[in-house]
């Protein structure tokens, strides 16, 4: 295994109607720097698009990681431990329209 993530209805931000979430994003240290997670994020985004979902969310404490994959800071929300977590969103429809224009 090189890298993994979840694609689920809920993640560590429980008291919200926002859905779906990409969570538990991890790449083993010896494989970092090769953008393997980009392939997983793209797959989750395709699943969301096929299901007619417009937005997909990620909860994290990282800054500058998900922005390079097209995610935008949405807001600070409390996680299941009551800690502040940065929530990012990506508009799947808009993102795929932009990719088609570039092609």
PDB file of N, CA and C in Angstrom:
ATOM      1  N   UNK A   1       0.846  -1.174   0.000  1.00  0.00           N
ATOM      2  CA  UNK A   1       0.000   0.000   0.000  1.00  0.00           C
ATOM      3  C   UNK A   1       0.892   1.237   0.000  1.00  0.00           C
ATOM      4  N   UNK A   2       0.498   2.205  -0.803  1.00  0.00           N
ATOM      5  CA  UNK A   2       1.251   3.447  -0.935  1.00  0.00           C
ATOM      6  C   UNK A   2       0.507   4.604  -0.279  1.00  0.00           C
ATOM      7  N   UNK A   3      -0.779   4.706  -0.561  1.00  0.00           N
ATOM      8  CA  UNK A   3      -1.572   5.847  -0.135  1.00  0.00           C
ATOM      9  C   UNK A   3      -3.027   5.417  -0.005  1.00  0.00           C
ATOM     10  N   UNK A   4      -3.775   6.090   0.861  1.00  0.00           N
ATOM     11  CA  UNK A   4      -5.195   5.760   0.998  1.00  0.00           C
ATOM     12  C   UNK A   4      -5.985   6.963   1.481  1.00  0.00           C
ATOM     13  N   UNK A   5      -7.306   6.883   1.308  1.00  0.00           N
ATOM     14  CA  UNK A   5      -8.236   7.867   1.850  1.00  0.00           C
ATOM     15  C   UNK A   5      -9.620   7.233   1.894  1.00  0.00           C
ATOM     16  N   UNK A   6     -10.529   7.873   2.601  1.00  0.00           N
ATOM     17  CA  UNK A   6     -11.914   7.423   2.611  1.00  0.00           C
ATOM     18  C   UNK A   6     -12.769   8.403   1.811  1.00  0.00           C
ATOM     19  N   UNK A   7     -13.890   7.923   1.348  1.00  0.00           N
ATOM     20  CA  UNK A   7     -14.910   8.736   0.689  1.00  0.00           C
ATOM     21  C   UNK A   7     -16.210   8.329   1.352  1.00  0.00           C
ATOM     22  N   UNK A   8     -16.734   9.191   2.225  1.00  0.00           N
ATOM     23  CA  UNK A   8     -17.854   8.785   3.072  1.00  0.00           C
ATOM     24  C   UNK A   8     -18.859   9.921   3.264  1.00  0.00           C
ATOM     25  N   UNK A   9     -20.037   9.525   3.700  1.00  0.00           N
ATOM     26  CA  UNK A   9     -21.091  10.498   3.987  1.00  0.00           C
ATOM     27  C   UNK A   9     -20.691  11.424   5.130  1.00  0.00           C
ATOM     28  N   UNK A  10     -20.025  10.876   6.149  1.00  0.00           N
ATOM     29  CA  UNK A  10     -19.593  11.652   7.328  1.00  0.00           C
ATOM     30  C   UNK A  10     -18.110  11.439   7.566  1.00  0.00           C
ATOM     31  N   UNK A  11     -17.505  12.397   8.284  1.00  0.00           N
ATOM     32  CA  UNK A  11     -16.099  12.280   8.675  1.00  0.00           C
ATOM     33  C   UNK A  11     -15.999  12.747  10.119  1.00  0.00           C
ATOM     34  N   UNK A  12     -14.976  13.479  10.451  1.00  0.00           N
ATOM     35  CA  UNK A  12     -14.802  13.893  11.842  1.00  0.00           C
ATOM     36  C   UNK A  12     -15.567  15.165  12.196  1.00  0.00           C
ATOM     37  N   UNK A  13     -16.239  15.782  11.249  1.00  0.00           N
ATOM     38  CA  UNK A  13     -17.142  16.906  11.504  1.00  0.00           C
ATOM     39  C   UNK A  13     -18.548  16.309  11.508  1.00  0.00           C
ATOM     40  N   UNK A  14     -19.064  16.021  12.676  1.00  0.00           N
ATOM     41  CA  UNK A  14     -20.299  15.237  12.780  1.00  0.00           C
ATOM     42  C   UNK A  14     -21.583  16.055  12.699  1.00  0.00           C
ATOM     43  N   UNK A  15     -21.610  17.202  13.323  1.00  0.00           N
ATOM     44  CA  UNK A  15     -22.856  17.964  13.401  1.00  0.00           C
ATOM     45  C   UNK A  15     -22.995  18.904  12.205  1.00  0.00           C
ATOM     46  N   UNK A  16     -23.190  18.307  11.044  1.00  0.00           N
ATOM     47  CA  UNK A  16     -23.314  19.092   9.821  1.00  0.00           C
ATOM     48  C   UNK A  16     -24.118  18.315   8.785  1.00  0.00           C
ATOM     49  N   UNK A  17     -24.716  19.067   7.876  1.00  0.00           N
ATOM     50  CA  UNK A  17     -25.407  18.454   6.745  1.00  0.00           C
ATOM     51  C   UNK A  17     -24.497  18.346   5.529  1.00  0.00           C
ATOM     52  N   UNK A  18     -23.264  18.867   5.644  1.00  0.00           N
ATOM     53  CA  UNK A  18     -22.323  18.799   4.530  1.00  0.00           C
ATOM     54  C   UNK A  18     -21.958  17.350   4.248  1.00  0.00           C
ATOM     55  N   UNK A  19     -21.929  16.994   2.981  1.00  0.00           N
ATOM     56  CA  UNK A  19     -21.586  15.638   2.577  1.00  0.00           C
ATOM     57  C   UNK A  19     -21.318  15.622   1.086  1.00  0.00           C
ATOM     58  N   UNK A  20     -20.491  14.762   0.572  1.00  0.00           N
ATOM     59  CA  UNK A  20     -19.656  13.738   1.190  1.00  0.00           C
ATOM     60  C   UNK A  20     -18.300  14.316   1.600  1.00  0.00           C
ATOM     61  N   UNK A  21     -17.542  13.479   2.283  1.00  0.00           N
ATOM     62  CA  UNK A  21     -16.238  13.863   2.823  1.00  0.00           C
ATOM     63  C   UNK A  21     -15.148  12.925   2.333  1.00  0.00           C
ATOM     64  N   UNK A  22     -13.995  13.498   2.065  1.00  0.00           N
ATOM     65  CA  UNK A  22     -12.776  12.725   1.873  1.00  0.00           C
ATOM     66  C   UNK A  22     -12.061  12.785   3.208  1.00  0.00           C
ATOM     67  N   UNK A  23     -11.676  11.630   3.728  1.00  0.00           N
ATOM     68  CA  UNK A  23     -11.026  11.616   5.040  1.00  0.00           C
ATOM     69  C   UNK A  23      -9.902  10.609   5.119  1.00  0.00           C
ATOM     70  N   UNK A  24      -9.244  10.618   6.263  1.00  0.00           N
ATOM     71  CA  UNK A  24      -8.165   9.673   6.549  1.00  0.00           C
ATOM     72  C   UNK A  24      -7.156   9.623   5.403  1.00  0.00           C
ATOM     73  N   UNK A  25      -6.802  10.787   4.891  1.00  0.00           N
ATOM     74  CA  UNK A  25      -5.864  10.887   3.777  1.00  0.00           C
ATOM     75  C   UNK A  25      -4.450  10.636   4.307  1.00  0.00           C
ATOM     76  N   UNK A  26      -3.765   9.678   3.705  1.00  0.00           N
ATOM     77  CA  UNK A  26      -2.413   9.357   4.176  1.00  0.00           C
ATOM     78  C   UNK A  26      -1.602   8.731   3.049  1.00  0.00           C
ATOM     79  N   UNK A  27      -0.359   9.149   2.967  1.00  0.00           N
ATOM     80  CA  UNK A  27       0.624   8.534   2.079  1.00  0.00           C
ATOM     81  C   UNK A  27       1.812   8.134   2.939  1.00  0.00           C
ATOM     82  N   UNK A  28       2.260   6.905   2.803  1.00  0.00           N
ATOM     83  CA  UNK A  28       3.401   6.456   3.585  1.00  0.00           C
ATOM     84  C   UNK A  28       4.622   7.311   3.254  1.00  0.00           C
ATOM     85  N   UNK A  29       5.413   7.660   4.273  1.00  0.00           N
ATOM     86  CA  UNK A  29       6.515   8.619   4.099  1.00  0.00           C
ATOM     87  C   UNK A  29       7.459   8.335   2.933  1.00  0.00           C
ATOM     88  N   UNK A  30       7.797   7.102   2.692  1.00  0.00           N
ATOM     89  CA  UNK A  30       8.756   6.813   1.620  1.00  0.00           C
ATOM     90  C   UNK A  30       8.177   7.062   0.223  1.00  0.00           C
ATOM     91  N   UNK A  31       6.861   7.293   0.125  1.00  0.00           N
ATOM     92  CA  UNK A  31       6.217   7.532  -1.170  1.00  0.00           C
ATOM     93  C   UNK A  31       5.757   8.977  -1.348  1.00  0.00           C
ATOM     94  N   UNK A  32       5.980   9.816  -0.356  1.00  0.00           N
ATOM     95  CA  UNK A  32       5.498  11.199  -0.429  1.00  0.00           C
ATOM     96  C   UNK A  32       6.260  11.987  -1.487  1.00  0.00           C
ATOM     97  N   UNK A  33       5.600  13.018  -2.007  1.00  0.00           N
ATOM     98  CA  UNK A  33       6.217  13.881  -2.995  1.00  0.00           C
ATOM     99  C   UNK A  33       5.960  13.462  -4.432  1.00  0.00           C
ATOM    100  N   UNK A  34       5.189  12.403  -4.626  1.00  0.00           N
ATOM    101  CA  UNK A  34       4.896  11.907  -5.974  1.00  0.00           C
ATOM    102  C   UNK A  34       3.440  12.135  -6.376  1.00  0.00           C
ATOM    103  N   UNK A  35       2.700  12.829  -5.518  1.00  0.00           N
ATOM    104  CA  UNK A  35       1.298  13.180  -5.773  1.00  0.00           C
ATOM    105  C   UNK A  35       0.395  11.968  -5.979  1.00  0.00           C
ATOM    106  N   UNK A  36       0.687  10.872  -5.277  1.00  0.00           N
ATOM    107  CA  UNK A  36      -0.173   9.691  -5.357  1.00  0.00           C
ATOM    108  C   UNK A  36      -1.576   9.996  -4.850  1.00  0.00           C
ATOM    109  N   UNK A  37      -1.654  10.847  -3.834  1.00  0.00           N
ATOM    110  CA  UNK A  37      -2.970  11.170  -3.278  1.00  0.00           C
ATOM    111  C   UNK A  37      -3.842  11.876  -4.327  1.00  0.00           C
ATOM    112  N   UNK A  38      -3.218  12.544  -5.278  1.00  0.00           N
ATOM    113  CA  UNK A  38      -3.987  13.205  -6.334  1.00  0.00           C
ATOM    114  C   UNK A  38      -4.858  12.201  -7.092  1.00  0.00           C
ATOM    115  N   UNK A  39      -4.324  11.018  -7.329  1.00  0.00           N
ATOM    116  CA  UNK A  39      -5.100   9.980  -8.022  1.00  0.00           C
ATOM    117  C   UNK A  39      -6.302   9.551  -7.186  1.00  0.00           C
ATOM    118  N   UNK A  40      -6.104   9.436  -5.887  1.00  0.00           N
ATOM    119  CA  UNK A  40      -7.221   9.058  -5.010  1.00  0.00           C
ATOM    120  C   UNK A  40      -8.257  10.166  -4.927  1.00  0.00           C
ATOM    121  N   UNK A  41      -7.805  11.410  -4.820  1.00  0.00           N
ATOM    122  CA  UNK A  41      -8.741  12.535  -4.782  1.00  0.00           C
ATOM    123  C   UNK A  41      -9.542  12.598  -6.077  1.00  0.00           C
ATOM    124  N   UNK A  42      -8.865  12.421  -7.207  1.00  0.00           N
ATOM    125  CA  UNK A  42      -9.570  12.435  -8.503  1.00  0.00           C
ATOM    126  C   UNK A  42     -10.612  11.324  -8.579  1.00  0.00           C
ATOM    127  N   UNK A  43     -10.279  10.156  -8.047  1.00  0.00           N
ATOM    128  CA  UNK A  43     -11.237   9.045  -8.062  1.00  0.00           C
ATOM    129  C   UNK A  43     -12.462   9.379  -7.206  1.00  0.00           C
ATOM    130  N   UNK A  44     -12.238   9.907  -6.008  1.00  0.00           N
ATOM    131  CA  UNK A  44     -13.357  10.295  -5.140  1.00  0.00           C
ATOM    132  C   UNK A  44     -14.211  11.364  -5.808  1.00  0.00           C
ATOM    133  N   UNK A  45     -13.569  12.296  -6.473  1.00  0.00           N
ATOM    134  CA  UNK A  45     -14.301  13.353  -7.177  1.00  0.00           C
ATOM    135  C   UNK A  45     -15.144  12.786  -8.313  1.00  0.00           C
ATOM    136  N   UNK A  46     -14.612  11.787  -9.036  1.00  0.00           N
ATOM    137  CA  UNK A  46     -15.403  11.140 -10.098  1.00  0.00           C
ATOM    138  C   UNK A  46     -16.610  10.422  -9.511  1.00  0.00           C
ATOM    139  N   UNK A  47     -16.421   9.762  -8.377  1.00  0.00           N
ATOM    140  CA  UNK A  47     -17.553   9.094  -7.714  1.00  0.00           C
ATOM    141  C   UNK A  47     -18.626  10.110  -7.343  1.00  0.00           C
ATOM    142  N   UNK A  48     -18.204  11.243  -6.814  1.00  0.00           N
ATOM    143  CA  UNK A  48     -19.157  12.294  -6.443  1.00  0.00           C
ATOM    144  C   UNK A  48     -19.878  12.824  -7.674  1.00  0.00           C
ATOM    145  N   UNK A  49     -19.132  13.058  -8.728  1.00  0.00           N
ATOM    146  CA  UNK A  49     -19.732  13.578  -9.959  1.00  0.00           C
ATOM    147  C   UNK A  49     -20.754  12.586 -10.532  1.00  0.00           C
ATOM    148  N   UNK A  50     -20.404  11.308 -10.543  1.00  0.00           N
ATOM    149  CA  UNK A  50     -21.321  10.281 -11.057  1.00  0.00           C
ATOM    150  C   UNK A  50     -22.588  10.185 -10.219  1.00  0.00           C
ATOM    151  N   UNK A  51     -22.492  10.522  -8.940  1.00  0.00           N
ATOM    152  CA  UNK A  51     -23.651  10.496  -8.050  1.00  0.00           C
ATOM    153  C   UNK A  51     -24.431  11.810  -8.089  1.00  0.00           C
ATOM    154  N   UNK A  52     -23.991  12.747  -8.930  1.00  0.00           N
ATOM    155  CA  UNK A  52     -24.688  14.026  -9.050  1.00  0.00           C
ATOM    156  C   UNK A  52     -24.407  14.991  -7.915  1.00  0.00           C
ATOM    157  N   UNK A  53     -23.319  14.771  -7.212  1.00  0.00           N
ATOM    158  CA  UNK A  53     -22.943  15.617  -6.081  1.00  0.00           C
ATOM    159  C   UNK A  53     -22.141  16.807  -6.601  1.00  0.00           C
ATOM    160  N   UNK A  54     -22.450  17.991  -6.089  1.00  0.00           N
ATOM    161  CA  UNK A  54     -21.787  19.204  -6.574  1.00  0.00           C
ATOM    162  C   UNK A  54     -20.531  19.550  -5.789  1.00  0.00           C
ATOM    163  N   UNK A  55     -20.539  19.317  -4.486  1.00  0.00           N
ATOM    164  CA  UNK A  55     -19.416  19.701  -3.635  1.00  0.00           C
ATOM    165  C   UNK A  55     -18.908  18.515  -2.836  1.00  0.00           C
ATOM    166  N   UNK A  56     -17.603  18.527  -2.576  1.00  0.00           N
ATOM    167  CA  UNK A  56     -16.972  17.499  -1.762  1.00  0.00           C
ATOM    168  C   UNK A  56     -16.099  18.214  -0.727  1.00  0.00           C
ATOM    169  N   UNK A  57     -15.996  17.648   0.484  1.00  0.00           N
ATOM    170  CA  UNK A  57     -15.358  18.332   1.602  1.00  0.00           C
ATOM    171  C   UNK A  57     -14.196  17.533   2.190  1.00  0.00           C
ATOM    172  N   UNK A  58     -13.254  18.273   2.769  1.00  0.00           N
ATOM    173  CA  UNK A  58     -12.131  17.678   3.486  1.00  0.00           C
ATOM    174  C   UNK A  58     -11.945  18.465   4.769  1.00  0.00           C
ATOM    175  N   UNK A  59     -11.780  17.753   5.882  1.00  0.00           N
ATOM    176  CA  UNK A  59     -11.480  18.355   7.177  1.00  0.00           C
ATOM    177  C   UNK A  59     -10.025  18.062   7.508  1.00  0.00           C
ATOM    178  N   UNK A  60      -9.263  19.088   7.841  1.00  0.00           N
ATOM    179  CA  UNK A  60      -7.825  18.904   8.067  1.00  0.00           C
ATOM    180  C   UNK A  60      -7.258  20.026   8.919  1.00  0.00           C
ATOM    181  N   UNK A  61      -6.061  19.827   9.388  1.00  0.00           N
ATOM    182  CA  UNK A  61      -5.317  20.894  10.057  1.00  0.00           C
ATOM    183  C   UNK A  61      -4.174  21.382   9.178  1.00  0.00           C
ATOM    184  N   UNK A  62      -4.050  20.825   7.976  1.00  0.00           N
ATOM    185  CA  UNK A  62      -3.005  21.229   7.040  1.00  0.00           C
ATOM    186  C   UNK A  62      -3.393  22.508   6.311  1.00  0.00           C
ATOM    187  N   UNK A  63      -2.413  23.344   6.083  1.00  0.00           N
ATOM    188  CA  UNK A  63      -2.590  24.541   5.255  1.00  0.00           C
ATOM    189  C   UNK A  63      -1.693  24.385   4.036  1.00  0.00           C
ATOM    190  N   UNK A  64      -2.229  24.653   2.863  1.00  0.00           N
ATOM    191  CA  UNK A  64      -1.432  24.620   1.651  1.00  0.00           C
ATOM    192  C   UNK A  64      -1.320  23.260   0.987  1.00  0.00           C
ATOM    193  N   UNK A  65      -1.928  22.247   1.542  1.00  0.00           N
ATOM    194  CA  UNK A  65      -1.843  20.910   0.957  1.00  0.00           C
ATOM    195  C   UNK A  65      -2.936  20.677  -0.083  1.00  0.00           C
ATOM    196  N   UNK A  66      -4.168  20.895   0.295  1.00  0.00           N
ATOM    197  CA  UNK A  66      -5.285  20.578  -0.596  1.00  0.00           C
ATOM    198  C   UNK A  66      -5.573  21.675  -1.611  1.00  0.00           C
ATOM    199  N   UNK A  67      -5.079  22.869  -1.360  1.00  0.00           N
ATOM    200  CA  UNK A  67      -5.277  23.960  -2.313  1.00  0.00           C
ATOM    201  C   UNK A  67      -4.669  23.616  -3.677  1.00  0.00           C
ATOM    202  N   UNK A  68      -3.548  22.898  -3.674  1.00  0.00           N
ATOM    203  CA  UNK A  68      -2.914  22.558  -4.957  1.00  0.00           C
ATOM    204  C   UNK A  68      -3.728  21.545  -5.756  1.00  0.00           C
ATOM    205  N   UNK A  69      -4.740  20.951  -5.124  1.00  0.00           N
ATOM    206  CA  UNK A  69      -5.636  20.018  -5.810  1.00  0.00           C
ATOM    207  C   UNK A  69      -6.993  20.650  -6.097  1.00  0.00           C
ATOM    208  N   UNK A  70      -7.080  21.966  -5.950  1.00  0.00           N
ATOM    209  CA  UNK A  70      -8.300  22.686  -6.299  1.00  0.00           C
ATOM    210  C   UNK A  70      -9.292  22.894  -5.171  1.00  0.00           C
ATOM    211  N   UNK A  71      -8.927  22.527  -3.957  1.00  0.00           N
ATOM    212  CA  UNK A  71      -9.813  22.729  -2.811  1.00  0.00           C
ATOM    213  C   UNK A  71      -9.636  24.136  -2.269  1.00  0.00           C
ATOM    214  N   UNK A  72     -10.734  24.710  -1.788  1.00  0.00           N
ATOM    215  CA  UNK A  72     -10.703  26.066  -1.236  1.00  0.00           C
ATOM    216  C   UNK A  72     -11.127  26.030   0.221  1.00  0.00           C
ATOM    217  N   UNK A  73     -10.471  26.875   1.023  1.00  0.00           N
ATOM    218  CA  UNK A  73     -10.852  26.961   2.425  1.00  0.00           C
ATOM    219  C   UNK A  73     -12.308  27.397   2.505  1.00  0.00           C
ATOM    220  N   UNK A  74     -13.095  26.672   3.307  1.00  0.00           N
ATOM    221  CA  UNK A  74     -14.519  26.956   3.476  1.00  0.00           C
ATOM    222  C   UNK A  74     -14.752  27.659   4.806  1.00  0.00           C
ATOM    223  N   UNK A  75     -14.382  26.989   5.923  1.00  0.00           N
ATOM    224  CA  UNK A  75     -14.498  27.609   7.238  1.00  0.00           C
ATOM    225  C   UNK A  75     -13.917  26.683   8.304  1.00  0.00           C
ATOM    226  N   UNK A  76     -13.771  27.223   9.496  1.00  0.00           N
ATOM    227  CA  UNK A  76     -13.333  26.451  10.659  1.00  0.00           C
ATOM    228  C   UNK A  76     -14.579  25.826  11.287  1.00  0.00           C
ATOM    229  N   UNK A  77     -14.505  24.521  11.559  1.00  0.00           N
ATOM    230  CA  UNK A  77     -15.609  23.824  12.227  1.00  0.00           C
ATOM    231  C   UNK A  77     -15.021  22.950  13.330  1.00  0.00           C
ATOM    232  N   UNK A  78     -15.846  22.553  14.273  1.00  0.00           N
ATOM    233  CA  UNK A  78     -15.418  21.691  15.371  1.00  0.00           C
ATOM    234  C   UNK A  78     -15.470  20.232  14.948  1.00  0.00           C
ATOM    235  N   UNK A  79     -14.400  19.496  15.273  1.00  0.00           N
ATOM    236  CA  UNK A  79     -14.388  18.063  14.982  1.00  0.00           C
ATOM    237  C   UNK A  79     -15.013  17.294  16.146  1.00  0.00           C
ATOM    238  N   UNK A  80     -14.993  15.967  16.083  1.00  0.00           N
ATOM    239  CA  UNK A  80     -15.655  15.155  17.113  1.00  0.00           C
ATOM    240  C   UNK A  80     -15.003  15.287  18.481  1.00  0.00           C
ATOM    241  N   UNK A  81     -13.769  15.799  18.530  1.00  0.00           N
ATOM    242  CA  UNK A  81     -13.097  16.022  19.808  1.00  0.00           C
ATOM    243  C   UNK A  81     -13.273  17.449  20.308  1.00  0.00           C
ATOM    244  N   UNK A  82     -14.050  18.251  19.575  1.00  0.00           N
ATOM    245  CA  UNK A  82     -14.279  19.636  19.967  1.00  0.00           C
ATOM    246  C   UNK A  82     -13.160  20.579  19.556  1.00  0.00           C
ATOM    247  N   UNK A  83     -12.227  20.066  18.752  1.00  0.00           N
ATOM    248  CA  UNK A  83     -11.099  20.876  18.287  1.00  0.00           C
ATOM    249  C   UNK A  83     -11.459  21.575  16.976  1.00  0.00           C
ATOM    250  N   UNK A  84     -10.832  22.737  16.752  1.00  0.00           N
ATOM    251  CA  UNK A  84     -11.019  23.438  15.488  1.00  0.00           C
ATOM    252  C   UNK A  84     -10.380  22.650  14.359  1.00  0.00           C
ATOM    253  N   UNK A  85     -11.074  22.572  13.241  1.00  0.00           N
ATOM    254  CA  UNK A  85     -10.565  21.892  12.051  1.00  0.00           C
ATOM    255  C   UNK A  85     -10.855  22.766  10.842  1.00  0.00           C
ATOM    256  N   UNK A  86      -9.909  22.844   9.946  1.00  0.00           N
ATOM    257  CA  UNK A  86     -10.091  23.595   8.705  1.00  0.00           C
ATOM    258  C   UNK A  86     -10.893  22.729   7.738  1.00  0.00           C
ATOM    259  N   UNK A  87     -11.982  23.262   7.226  1.00  0.00           N
ATOM    260  CA  UNK A  87     -12.806  22.533   6.263  1.00  0.00           C
ATOM    261  C   UNK A  87     -12.599  23.163   4.889  1.00  0.00           C
ATOM    262  N   UNK A  88     -12.281  22.296   3.930  1.00  0.00           N
ATOM    263  CA  UNK A  88     -12.078  22.704   2.549  1.00  0.00           C
ATOM    264  C   UNK A  88     -13.202  22.123   1.694  1.00  0.00           C
ATOM    265  N   UNK A  89     -13.500  22.814   0.607  1.00  0.00           N
ATOM    266  CA  UNK A  89     -14.549  22.372  -0.309  1.00  0.00           C
ATOM    267  C   UNK A  89     -14.025  22.453  -1.732  1.00  0.00           C
ATOM    268  N   UNK A  90     -14.537  21.564  -2.559  1.00  0.00           N
ATOM    269  CA  UNK A  90     -14.245  21.629  -3.992  1.00  0.00           C
ATOM    270  C   UNK A  90     -15.561  21.448  -4.726  1.00  0.00           C
ATOM    271  N   UNK A  91     -15.850  22.392  -5.612  1.00  0.00           N
ATOM    272  CA  UNK A  91     -17.040  22.286  -6.451  1.00  0.00           C
ATOM    273  C   UNK A  91     -16.689  21.378  -7.619  1.00  0.00           C
ATOM    274  N   UNK A  92     -17.230  20.183  -7.621  1.00  0.00           N
ATOM    275  CA  UNK A  92     -16.907  19.165  -8.617  1.00  0.00           C
ATOM    276  C   UNK A  92     -17.338  19.594 -10.010  1.00  0.00           C
ATOM    277  N   UNK A  93     -18.532  20.134 -10.141  1.00  0.00           N
ATOM    278  CA  UNK A  93     -19.066  20.525 -11.444  1.00  0.00           C
ATOM    279  C   UNK A  93     -18.203  21.626 -12.048  1.00  0.00           C
ATOM    280  N   UNK A  94     -17.916  22.663 -11.282  1.00  0.00           N
ATOM    281  CA  UNK A  94     -17.108  23.777 -11.754  1.00  0.00           C
ATOM    282  C   UNK A  94     -15.704  23.316 -12.114  1.00  0.00           C
ATOM    283  N   UNK A  95     -15.124  22.463 -11.287  1.00  0.00           N
ATOM    284  CA  UNK A  95     -13.775  21.955 -11.514  1.00  0.00           C
ATOM    285  C   UNK A  95     -13.671  21.188 -12.827  1.00  0.00           C
ATOM    286  N   UNK A  96     -14.642  20.337 -13.106  1.00  0.00           N
ATOM    287  CA  UNK A  96     -14.614  19.539 -14.331  1.00  0.00           C
ATOM    288  C   UNK A  96     -14.911  20.385 -15.569  1.00  0.00           C
ATOM    289  N   UNK A  97     -15.727  21.426 -15.419  1.00  0.00           N
ATOM    290  CA  UNK A  97     -15.961  22.334 -16.536  1.00  0.00           C
ATOM    291  C   UNK A  97     -14.685  23.084 -16.902  1.00  0.00           C
ATOM    292  N   UNK A  98     -13.921  23.489 -15.871  1.00  0.00           N
ATOM    293  CA  UNK A  98     -12.663  24.190 -16.120  1.00  0.00           C
ATOM    294  C   UNK A  98     -11.662  23.269 -16.818  1.00  0.00           C
ATOM    295  N   UNK A  99     -11.609  21.997 -16.415  1.00  0.00           N
ATOM    296  CA  UNK A  99     -10.706  21.046 -17.048  1.00  0.00           C
ATOM    297  C   UNK A  99     -11.059  20.835 -18.520  1.00  0.00           C
ATOM    298  N   UNK A 100     -12.369  20.806 -18.824  1.00  0.00           N
ATOM    299  CA  UNK A 100     -12.797  20.617 -20.220  1.00  0.00           C
ATOM    300  C   UNK A 100     -12.411  21.814 -21.073  1.00  0.00           C
ATOM    301  N   UNK A 101     -12.473  23.033 -20.502  1.00  0.00           N
ATOM    302  CA  UNK A 101     -12.086  24.239 -21.237  1.00  0.00           C
ATOM    303  C   UNK A 101     -10.613  24.217 -21.569  1.00  0.00           C
ATOM    304  N   UNK A 102      -9.793  23.685 -20.648  1.00  0.00           N
ATOM    305  CA  UNK A 102      -8.345  23.619 -20.843  1.00  0.00           C
ATOM    306  C   UNK A 102      -7.959  22.616 -21.926  1.00  0.00           C
ATOM    307  N   UNK A 103      -8.772  21.598 -22.112  1.00  0.00           N
ATOM    308  CA  UNK A 103      -8.434  20.521 -23.060  1.00  0.00           C
ATOM    309  C   UNK A 103      -8.610  20.912 -24.497  1.00  0.00           C
TER     310      UNK A 103
END
